[in-house]
Amino acid sequence: MSTLTLTTWSLEMTSPEDLVPAVVPGSEIRVQRAEVPSPEFSRFLYASVGGDIHWTDRLALTRAQWVEYLDRPGVETWVAYDRGTPAGYIELDPQDDGVVEIMYFGLLPDFRGRRIGGHLLSVGVAAAWSLAERWAERGPTRRVWVHTCSQDGPTAMDNYLRRGFKVFRTETEEKEDTPTPGPWPGAQTGAQTGP
């Protein structure tokens, strides 16, 4: 069993004025809230975005567990589309005392490196700050936070910093290096197909 050194950074934004929006990448990119909770769609986004960057914690959840999570007041999924095709998502998880965590954020592999992530993050953070407008029982947002790690994409940290987040905690640990399922469980990432 091999191990790797994993560094995790926690970042926060304490005022909506801290948000520095990214440039909109083009008219073909649209970001929209998925207003009807769908465990199948959420699982598709989670597995497709995280399949090659070690997202595994939710893969074993049952449909009932997905429904329970998604039905919590204030949990929101915002999806970026490129000409109608899902390109990535950001998931907001409201917590106590006006805190909103960006639970998951990322792009499907084919959409990375096209400036979609900065725009999606900008829309998602603005949505976190305005959460009480859609969920009055949650109360006003006072803080938005997120964590990223050394296994995430190479531009993740830079994107958070450019949007106005500040690092408030850094942790390092040794972790078992486990294979990720890739875009499809059982498939080899980067494998050649065809004759």
Protein backbone atom coordinates (compact mmCIF):
# COMPACT_ATOMS: atom_id res chain seq x y z
CA MET A 1 0.00 0.00 0.00
CA SER A 2 1.42 3.35 -1.01
CA THR A 3 0.70 6.64 0.68
CA LEU A 4 0.69 10.25 -0.40
CA THR A 5 0.96 13.57 1.39
CA LEU A 6 -2.37 15.38 1.16
CA THR A 7 -2.61 19.10 1.90
CA THR A 8 -6.05 20.59 2.50
CA TRP A 9 -6.70 24.31 2.51
CA SER A 10 -9.84 25.86 4.01
CA LEU A 11 -10.79 29.24 2.56
CA GLU A 12 -13.47 31.75 3.48
CA MET A 13 -15.20 34.89 2.37
CA THR A 14 -16.82 37.03 5.06
CA SER A 15 -18.59 39.68 2.97
CA PRO A 16 -20.40 39.62 -0.38
CA GLU A 17 -18.27 42.63 -1.34
CA ASP A 18 -15.21 40.34 -1.27
CA LEU A 19 -16.42 38.48 -4.37
CA VAL A 20 -14.42 39.33 -7.49
CA PRO A 21 -16.52 37.93 -10.36
CA ALA A 22 -14.81 36.25 -13.28
CA VAL A 23 -15.41 37.29 -16.86
CA VAL A 24 -18.33 35.44 -18.48
CA PRO A 25 -16.67 32.96 -20.88
CA GLY A 26 -19.17 33.38 -23.74
CA SER A 27 -22.83 33.43 -24.65
CA GLU A 28 -22.89 29.65 -25.11
CA ILE A 29 -22.22 29.13 -21.37
CA ARG A 30 -25.22 29.29 -19.06
CA VAL A 31 -25.40 28.65 -15.30
CA GLN A 32 -28.75 27.60 -13.88
CA ARG A 33 -30.00 26.32 -10.55
CA ALA A 34 -31.36 22.77 -10.58
CA GLU A 35 -34.55 23.62 -8.71
CA VAL A 36 -35.95 20.08 -8.64
CA PRO A 37 -33.71 17.88 -6.46
CA SER A 38 -32.68 14.80 -8.43
CA PRO A 39 -30.45 12.19 -6.80
CA GLU A 40 -29.67 10.66 -10.19
CA PHE A 41 -28.57 13.99 -11.67
CA SER A 42 -26.59 14.95 -8.58
CA ARG A 43 -24.83 11.57 -8.54
CA PHE A 44 -24.05 11.94 -12.25
CA LEU A 45 -22.47 15.36 -11.62
CA TYR A 46 -20.53 14.13 -8.59
CA ALA A 47 -19.15 11.02 -10.32
CA SER A 48 -18.44 12.78 -13.62
CA VAL A 49 -16.65 15.78 -12.11
CA GLY A 50 -14.83 13.90 -9.36
CA GLY A 51 -14.09 10.58 -11.04
CA ASP A 52 -10.50 11.47 -11.89
CA ILE A 53 -9.70 13.64 -8.85
CA HIS A 54 -10.35 11.22 -5.99
CA TRP A 55 -13.96 12.05 -5.13
CA THR A 56 -15.18 8.79 -3.63
CA ASP A 57 -16.97 9.62 -0.36
CA ARG A 58 -20.46 9.75 -1.93
CA LEU A 59 -20.18 6.86 -4.37
CA ALA A 60 -21.57 4.35 -1.88
CA LEU A 61 -24.60 6.45 -0.88
CA THR A 62 -27.98 4.90 -1.51
CA ARG A 63 -30.66 6.75 -3.45
CA ALA A 64 -32.51 7.36 -0.16
CA GLN A 65 -29.38 8.96 1.34
CA TRP A 66 -29.04 11.25 -1.70
CA VAL A 67 -32.72 12.25 -1.37
CA GLU A 68 -32.32 12.96 2.35
CA TYR A 69 -29.33 15.22 1.70
CA LEU A 70 -30.80 17.07 -1.29
CA ASP A 71 -34.14 17.69 0.44
CA ARG A 72 -32.57 19.75 3.23
CA PRO A 73 -33.73 23.40 3.09
CA GLY A 74 -31.14 25.57 1.40
CA VAL A 75 -29.10 22.84 -0.30
CA GLU A 76 -28.70 24.05 -3.87
CA THR A 77 -27.05 22.73 -7.01
CA TRP A 78 -26.05 25.22 -9.71
CA VAL A 79 -25.06 23.73 -13.05
CA ALA A 80 -22.96 25.22 -15.86
CA TYR A 81 -24.10 24.24 -19.36
CA ASP A 82 -22.22 24.57 -22.62
CA ARG A 83 -24.87 24.72 -25.36
CA GLY A 84 -27.18 22.48 -23.33
CA THR A 85 -24.57 19.98 -22.13
CA PRO A 86 -23.72 19.88 -18.40
CA ALA A 87 -20.16 21.19 -18.00
CA GLY A 88 -19.84 21.32 -14.20
CA TYR A 89 -21.57 22.22 -10.97
CA ILE A 90 -21.36 23.86 -7.60
CA GLU A 91 -23.25 22.55 -4.58
CA LEU A 92 -24.15 24.82 -1.66
CA ASP A 93 -24.68 23.38 1.83
CA PRO A 94 -26.13 25.82 4.39
CA GLN A 95 -24.97 25.35 7.96
CA ASP A 96 -25.78 26.99 11.28
CA ASP A 97 -25.33 30.69 12.06
CA GLY A 98 -25.47 31.99 8.51
CA VAL A 99 -22.61 29.85 7.19
CA VAL A 100 -22.76 28.34 3.70
CA GLU A 101 -20.22 25.74 2.61
CA ILE A 102 -19.39 25.12 -1.01
CA MET A 103 -19.58 21.38 -0.61
CA TYR A 104 -18.57 20.43 -4.16
CA PHE A 105 -17.41 22.44 -7.13
CA GLY A 106 -15.80 21.42 -10.39
CA LEU A 107 -16.00 20.77 -14.09
CA LEU A 108 -16.24 17.61 -16.15
CA PRO A 109 -12.80 16.86 -17.67
CA ASP A 110 -13.66 17.95 -21.24
CA PHE A 111 -14.70 21.42 -20.01
CA ARG A 112 -11.67 22.26 -17.90
CA GLY A 113 -9.28 24.98 -19.02
CA ARG A 114 -11.96 26.99 -20.86
CA ARG A 115 -12.61 29.68 -18.20
CA ILE A 116 -15.97 28.15 -17.30
CA GLY A 117 -14.89 27.41 -13.71
CA GLY A 118 -14.30 31.03 -12.73
CA HIS A 119 -17.72 32.04 -13.99
CA LEU A 120 -19.44 29.06 -12.33
CA LEU A 121 -17.70 29.80 -9.03
CA SER A 122 -18.71 33.49 -9.27
CA VAL A 123 -22.37 32.58 -9.81
CA GLY A 124 -22.27 29.97 -7.04
CA VAL A 125 -20.70 32.31 -4.48
CA ALA A 126 -23.22 35.04 -5.33
CA ALA A 127 -25.97 32.44 -4.84
CA ALA A 128 -24.51 31.50 -1.45
CA TRP A 129 -24.64 35.14 -0.35
CA SER A 130 -28.26 35.48 -1.54
CA LEU A 131 -29.45 32.13 -0.15
CA ALA A 132 -31.89 33.74 2.31
CA GLU A 133 -33.78 35.30 -0.62
CA ARG A 134 -34.76 31.77 -1.68
CA TRP A 135 -34.78 30.11 1.77
CA ALA A 136 -36.04 32.62 4.35
CA GLU A 137 -35.86 30.02 7.13
CA ARG A 138 -32.06 29.94 6.73
CA GLY A 139 -31.48 33.59 7.62
CA PRO A 140 -28.86 35.87 6.04
CA THR A 141 -25.49 34.49 5.00
CA ARG A 142 -22.58 35.80 7.07
CA ARG A 143 -19.78 33.58 5.76
CA VAL A 144 -19.08 31.38 2.73
CA TRP A 145 -16.33 28.79 2.96
CA VAL A 146 -14.80 25.97 0.96
CA HIS A 147 -11.95 23.52 1.18
CA THR A 148 -9.67 22.34 -1.59
CA CYS A 149 -6.80 19.92 -1.55
CA SER A 150 -3.64 18.97 -3.38
CA GLN A 151 -5.57 16.28 -5.29
CA ASP A 152 -7.96 18.81 -6.85
CA GLY A 153 -7.34 20.32 -10.24
CA PRO A 154 -4.19 22.45 -10.67
CA THR A 155 -6.16 25.71 -11.06
CA ALA A 156 -8.62 25.19 -8.18
CA MET A 157 -6.72 27.16 -5.52
CA ASP A 158 -5.93 30.02 -7.90
CA ASN A 159 -9.61 30.26 -8.87
CA TYR A 160 -10.69 30.56 -5.21
CA LEU A 161 -8.07 33.20 -4.48
CA ARG A 162 -8.98 35.21 -7.60
CA ARG A 163 -12.65 35.23 -6.56
CA GLY A 164 -11.71 36.78 -3.19
CA PHE A 165 -11.42 33.82 -0.81
CA LYS A 166 -8.75 33.89 1.91
CA VAL A 167 -7.02 30.83 3.41
CA PHE A 168 -7.79 30.39 7.11
CA ARG A 169 -6.45 26.87 7.74
CA THR A 170 -3.93 24.50 6.17
CA GLU A 171 -3.68 20.83 7.15
CA THR A 172 -1.32 18.11 5.94
CA GLU A 173 -1.75 14.36 6.40
CA GLU A 174 -0.49 11.08 5.02
CA LYS A 175 -3.24 9.24 3.19
CA GLU A 176 -3.54 5.89 1.47
CA ASP A 177 -3.18 6.37 -2.28
CA THR A 178 -6.30 4.68 -3.60
CA PRO A 179 -7.20 4.43 -7.28
CA THR A 180 -10.10 6.54 -8.44
CA PRO A 181 -12.92 5.09 -10.51
CA GLY A 182 -12.31 7.45 -13.41
CA PRO A 183 -15.22 8.70 -15.45
CA TRP A 184 -16.86 5.26 -15.33
CA PRO A 185 -16.34 2.64 -12.62
CA GLY A 186 -14.23 -0.17 -14.06
CA ALA A 187 -12.85 1.92 -16.91
CA GLN A 188 -9.19 2.79 -17.07
CA THR A 189 -8.65 6.53 -17.27
CA GLY A 190 -6.89 7.41 -20.51
CA ALA A 191 -7.20 3.89 -21.95
CA GLN A 192 -7.09 3.56 -25.72
CA THR A 193 -10.15 2.15 -27.46
CA GLY A 194 -10.77 0.92 -30.94
CA PRO A 195 -8.54 -0.96 -33.39
